[in-house]
Protein backbone atom coordinates (compact mmCIF):
# COMPACT_ATOMS: atom_id res chain seq x y z
CA MET A 1 -91.88 -89.91 -188.44
CA GLU A 2 -94.10 -89.20 -185.41
CA THR A 3 -93.85 -90.20 -181.84
CA THR A 4 -94.26 -94.00 -181.23
CA ILE A 5 -93.86 -95.32 -177.56
CA ARG A 6 -92.97 -99.00 -177.76
CA VAL A 7 -90.14 -101.25 -176.60
CA ASP A 8 -87.85 -100.81 -179.54
CA ARG A 9 -84.07 -99.89 -179.42
CA ALA A 10 -84.51 -98.20 -182.80
CA VAL A 11 -85.01 -94.94 -181.04
CA THR A 12 -83.49 -93.37 -178.05
CA THR A 13 -85.47 -91.08 -175.67
CA LEU A 14 -84.40 -87.98 -174.30
CA VAL A 15 -86.30 -86.82 -171.09
CA ASN A 16 -85.96 -83.40 -169.88
CA VAL A 17 -87.53 -82.18 -166.64
CA PHE A 18 -87.88 -78.31 -165.95
CA THR A 19 -89.01 -77.48 -162.43
CA VAL A 20 -90.35 -73.67 -162.70
CA GLU A 21 -92.40 -71.31 -160.52
CA PRO A 22 -96.08 -71.44 -161.82
CA ALA A 23 -95.72 -67.94 -163.23
CA THR A 24 -92.97 -68.83 -165.35
CA GLN A 25 -94.22 -72.11 -166.80
CA PRO A 26 -95.77 -70.34 -169.83
CA LYS A 27 -92.54 -68.60 -170.87
CA VAL A 28 -90.65 -71.90 -170.50
CA LEU A 29 -93.14 -73.72 -172.85
CA ALA A 30 -92.89 -70.84 -175.25
CA LEU A 31 -88.96 -70.99 -175.48
CA LEU A 32 -89.06 -74.59 -175.78
CA GLN A 33 -91.69 -74.60 -178.59
CA GLU A 34 -89.76 -71.91 -180.29
CA GLY A 35 -86.49 -74.10 -180.13
CA ILE A 36 -88.34 -77.10 -181.27
CA GLU A 37 -89.77 -75.31 -184.31
CA THR A 38 -86.71 -73.19 -185.19
CA MET A 39 -83.86 -75.38 -184.31
CA PHE A 40 -84.29 -78.88 -182.90
CA ARG A 41 -86.29 -80.16 -185.96
CA LYS A 42 -83.45 -79.57 -188.14
CA MET A 43 -80.91 -81.56 -186.26
CA PRO A 44 -79.67 -84.88 -187.48
CA GLY A 45 -81.18 -87.94 -185.92
CA TRP A 46 -84.29 -86.01 -184.52
CA ILE A 47 -87.63 -87.77 -184.73
CA SER A 48 -90.19 -85.91 -182.42
CA THR A 49 -90.43 -83.65 -179.29
CA ASN A 50 -93.60 -83.59 -177.18
CA LEU A 51 -94.03 -81.00 -174.38
CA LEU A 52 -96.02 -82.00 -171.27
CA LYS A 53 -96.97 -79.44 -168.42
CA SER A 54 -97.99 -80.00 -164.96
CA ARG A 55 -101.46 -78.99 -164.13
CA ASP A 56 -99.96 -77.33 -160.73
CA GLY A 57 -97.59 -75.35 -163.07
CA LYS A 58 -94.36 -76.41 -161.51
CA GLN A 59 -92.93 -78.76 -164.10
CA VAL A 60 -92.27 -78.88 -167.82
CA VAL A 61 -91.47 -82.47 -169.38
CA VAL A 62 -90.00 -82.59 -172.54
CA TYR A 63 -90.01 -86.16 -174.28
CA SER A 64 -87.71 -86.43 -177.25
CA GLN A 65 -87.01 -89.24 -179.61
CA TRP A 66 -83.71 -89.48 -181.46
CA ARG A 67 -82.24 -92.17 -183.84
CA ASP A 68 -79.46 -92.69 -181.20
CA GLU A 69 -77.26 -91.25 -178.32
CA LYS A 70 -74.67 -89.90 -180.63
CA ASP A 71 -77.06 -87.54 -182.35
CA ILE A 72 -78.36 -86.21 -178.82
CA ASP A 73 -74.60 -85.66 -177.96
CA ALA A 74 -74.00 -83.89 -181.19
CA PHE A 75 -77.23 -81.84 -180.64
CA ARG A 76 -76.15 -80.86 -177.17
CA GLN A 77 -72.66 -79.70 -178.30
CA ASP A 78 -74.08 -77.47 -181.10
CA PRO A 79 -72.50 -73.96 -180.65
CA GLN A 80 -75.56 -72.13 -181.57
CA LEU A 81 -77.80 -73.89 -178.98
CA LYS A 82 -75.49 -72.55 -176.19
CA ALA A 83 -77.29 -69.05 -175.90
CA TYR A 84 -80.43 -70.81 -176.28
CA PHE A 85 -79.96 -73.27 -173.46
CA GLN A 86 -78.37 -70.36 -171.12
CA GLN A 87 -81.83 -68.73 -171.02
CA PHE A 88 -83.34 -71.56 -168.95
CA GLY A 89 -80.91 -71.07 -166.17
CA ALA A 90 -82.71 -68.11 -164.70
CA LEU A 91 -86.03 -69.78 -165.42
CA ALA A 92 -85.82 -73.40 -164.18
CA LYS A 93 -84.04 -76.22 -162.46
CA HIS A 94 -83.12 -78.79 -165.22
CA GLU A 95 -82.46 -82.45 -165.24
CA ALA A 96 -82.03 -84.52 -168.31
CA PHE A 97 -81.54 -88.34 -169.25
CA THR A 98 -81.70 -90.62 -171.98
CA CYS A 99 -83.62 -93.82 -171.58
CA ASP A 100 -85.15 -96.76 -173.47
CA VAL A 101 -88.87 -97.58 -173.21
CA ALA A 102 -89.07 -100.57 -171.02
CA TYR A 103 -92.65 -101.30 -171.13
CA SER A 104 -95.76 -99.88 -173.05
CA LEU A 105 -99.46 -101.09 -173.54
CA HIS A 106 -101.76 -99.65 -175.91
CA ALA A 107 -105.51 -100.05 -176.07
């Protein structure tokens, strides 16, 4: 499956926002990409992940789609990911939330 943004409760969206210093944005992006390719994509319920970087270098947004919130909870509790997530503590302030698409318009 690939990312599809539409009003549809068939997926749960997980949004992570990392606030970083511009000099560390590339490192945060590289760590995230490595995690997506080696760990996240193997997790039950994972559908897709997209990385967005702000042009001023101060934010990285992770837009992930999962089958449901219980898969996200299981992902967050996976012991192999604890050390991975700890790497971000020194690099960024982090905020995460789950959501549903409320509106979408396509050409």
